[in-house]
Protein backbone atom coordinates (compact mmCIF):
# COMPACT_ATOMS: atom_id res chain seq x y z
CA MET A 1 151.25 -108.66 142.32
CA LEU A 2 148.55 -107.99 144.93
CA ARG A 3 150.39 -110.11 147.49
CA SER A 4 153.61 -108.10 146.87
CA PHE A 5 151.70 -104.83 147.24
CA THR A 6 150.13 -106.04 150.50
CA LYS A 7 153.56 -107.02 151.90
CA THR A 8 155.02 -103.66 150.88
CA LEU A 9 152.12 -101.79 152.45
CA ALA A 10 152.45 -103.82 155.65
CA LEU A 11 156.20 -103.05 155.83
CA VAL A 12 155.60 -99.33 155.26
CA LEU A 13 152.92 -99.24 157.96
CA PHE A 14 155.14 -101.17 160.38
CA ALA A 15 158.12 -98.86 159.72
CA THR A 16 155.96 -95.75 160.13
CA ALA A 17 154.54 -97.02 163.42
CA THR A 18 158.01 -97.95 164.68
CA PHE A 19 159.62 -94.61 163.85
CA THR A 20 156.63 -92.64 165.13
CA ALA A 21 156.68 -94.54 168.42
CA CYS A 22 160.37 -93.71 168.90
CA LYS A 23 159.99 -90.01 168.16
CA LYS A 24 161.04 -87.99 171.18
CA ASN A 25 158.46 -85.58 172.53
CA HIS A 26 160.34 -82.40 173.45
CA ASP A 27 157.52 -81.39 175.78
CA ASP A 28 158.75 -84.21 178.06
CA ASP A 29 161.76 -82.01 178.89
CA SER A 30 159.50 -79.32 180.41
CA LEU A 31 159.63 -78.92 184.16
CA ALA A 32 157.10 -77.36 186.49
CA ILE A 33 158.21 -73.94 187.70
CA THR A 34 158.97 -74.81 191.30
CA LYS A 35 161.76 -73.94 193.69
CA GLU A 36 163.01 -77.54 193.60
CA ASN A 37 163.17 -77.58 189.79
CA LEU A 38 164.89 -74.19 189.57
CA VAL A 39 167.74 -75.17 191.89
CA ALA A 40 170.69 -75.56 189.52
CA THR A 41 173.74 -73.88 188.01
CA TYR A 42 173.13 -71.73 184.94
CA THR A 43 175.24 -70.02 182.28
CA LEU A 44 173.87 -67.21 180.12
CA SER A 45 173.21 -68.32 176.53
CA SER A 46 171.60 -65.17 175.19
CA MET A 47 169.99 -61.86 176.02
CA LYS A 48 167.47 -60.62 173.47
CA MET A 49 165.58 -57.34 173.33
CA LYS A 50 162.38 -56.52 171.49
CA GLY A 51 160.59 -53.20 171.40
CA THR A 52 157.14 -52.10 170.36
CA ASN A 53 158.60 -50.60 167.18
CA TYR A 54 161.60 -52.83 166.51
CA PRO A 55 162.17 -56.58 166.06
CA GLU A 56 163.85 -58.90 168.51
CA ALA A 57 167.65 -58.74 168.42
CA ASP A 58 170.36 -60.65 170.27
CA VAL A 59 172.21 -58.08 172.36
CA THR A 60 174.29 -60.44 174.50
CA SER A 61 177.66 -59.16 173.30
CA GLN A 62 176.56 -55.54 173.74
CA PHE A 63 175.73 -56.02 177.42
CA TYR A 64 178.16 -58.76 178.48
CA ASP A 65 181.92 -58.90 177.94
CA ALA A 66 183.32 -62.19 176.64
CA CYS A 67 184.74 -62.98 180.10
CA GLU A 68 181.22 -62.64 181.61
CA ARG A 69 179.41 -64.94 179.19
CA ASP A 70 180.82 -68.09 180.80
CA ASP A 71 180.04 -67.02 184.36
CA GLN A 72 177.67 -69.11 186.43
CA THR A 73 174.54 -68.21 188.35
CA VAL A 74 173.86 -70.79 191.04
CA LEU A 75 170.35 -70.94 192.50
CA LYS A 76 170.49 -72.85 195.80
CA SER A 77 167.68 -74.57 197.68
CA ASP A 78 168.08 -72.27 200.70
CA GLY A 79 167.06 -69.23 198.61
CA THR A 80 170.58 -67.91 198.14
CA MET A 81 172.11 -67.19 194.77
CA SER A 82 175.79 -67.11 193.89
CA TYR A 83 177.25 -65.43 190.85
CA VAL A 84 180.63 -67.00 190.04
CA ASP A 85 183.25 -65.63 187.65
CA ALA A 86 183.86 -69.00 186.00
CA GLY A 87 185.89 -69.93 182.93
CA THR A 88 187.67 -66.91 181.49
CA LYS A 89 188.34 -64.59 184.42
CA CYS A 90 187.46 -60.92 184.11
CA SER A 91 190.05 -58.37 185.25
CA SER A 92 187.93 -57.68 188.32
CA ALA A 93 186.04 -60.79 189.36
CA GLY A 94 182.33 -60.21 189.68
CA ASP A 95 181.61 -62.92 192.26
CA TYR A 96 178.81 -62.11 194.68
CA THR A 97 175.97 -63.71 196.61
CA SER A 98 172.37 -62.61 196.93
CA THR A 99 168.90 -64.12 197.24
CA TRP A 100 166.24 -65.52 194.97
CA SER A 101 162.62 -66.68 195.31
CA ILE A 102 159.77 -67.97 193.18
CA SER A 103 156.05 -67.23 193.33
CA GLY A 104 153.99 -68.82 190.57
CA SER A 105 155.81 -67.96 187.35
CA LYS A 106 157.50 -64.89 188.88
CA ILE A 107 161.13 -65.30 189.89
CA THR A 108 162.87 -62.64 191.94
CA ILE A 109 166.66 -62.64 191.63
CA ASP A 110 168.78 -60.12 193.48
CA GLY A 111 165.64 -58.00 194.09
CA ASP A 112 164.55 -57.88 190.42
CA GLU A 113 161.37 -59.68 189.30
CA TYR A 114 161.14 -61.64 186.05
CA THR A 115 158.53 -63.89 184.42
CA VAL A 116 159.67 -67.44 183.77
CA LYS A 117 158.67 -68.30 180.19
CA SER A 118 160.00 -71.86 180.21
CA LEU A 119 162.00 -74.29 182.28
CA THR A 120 163.39 -77.53 180.90
CA LYS A 121 166.02 -80.01 181.96
CA GLY A 122 168.55 -78.02 179.93
CA GLN A 123 167.34 -74.43 179.87
CA LEU A 124 165.74 -71.58 181.82
CA VAL A 125 164.12 -68.68 179.94
CA TYR A 126 162.77 -65.62 181.71
CA GLU A 127 161.88 -62.10 180.68
CA VAL A 128 161.09 -58.64 181.95
CA SER A 129 159.17 -55.85 180.21
CA SER A 130 159.36 -52.11 180.86
CA THR A 131 157.86 -49.07 179.19
CA TYR A 132 160.06 -46.13 178.26
CA SER A 133 158.67 -43.06 176.53
CA GLY A 134 155.57 -44.97 175.47
CA GLN A 135 157.50 -47.91 174.02
CA THR A 136 157.46 -51.33 175.68
CA VAL A 137 160.80 -53.10 175.71
CA THR A 138 161.00 -56.81 176.54
CA VAL A 139 164.30 -58.41 177.51
CA THR A 140 164.48 -62.21 177.32
CA TYR A 141 167.29 -64.09 179.06
CA THR A 142 168.08 -67.67 178.09
CA TYR A 143 170.29 -69.72 180.40
CA SER A 144 171.77 -73.18 179.90
CA ARG A 145 171.51 -75.54 182.88
CA LYS A 146 174.66 -77.30 183.97
């Protein structure tokens, strides 16, 4: 009986150690916020707003038409940015080029400054906050990396 218990315990410990060792650490996907790591093609996943007096809400469909939600923002290593009307074409294509830069966790795209909240192999999240009539509004953009 004791020998059976010991074998069972050993198997449980071995299985626990094996599965724990194989567990993926999602922090490994994090990238340093550098120009080299930001160079990529992105598609908007969501735009969320949160105010001092109201909870966060996804407002993507209120600010972007369906034909815009599959468009691509391409950050290039030479500091240029291209916005490409990809996928479903809008009635008037919104393609344009501009510039972008990074300084610490601050990214400037097309002249507007944002704070990068996270950068992973698959996603870029940045936000901007403004105060209107005494209320702070934070807009968080989440982009998928291609």
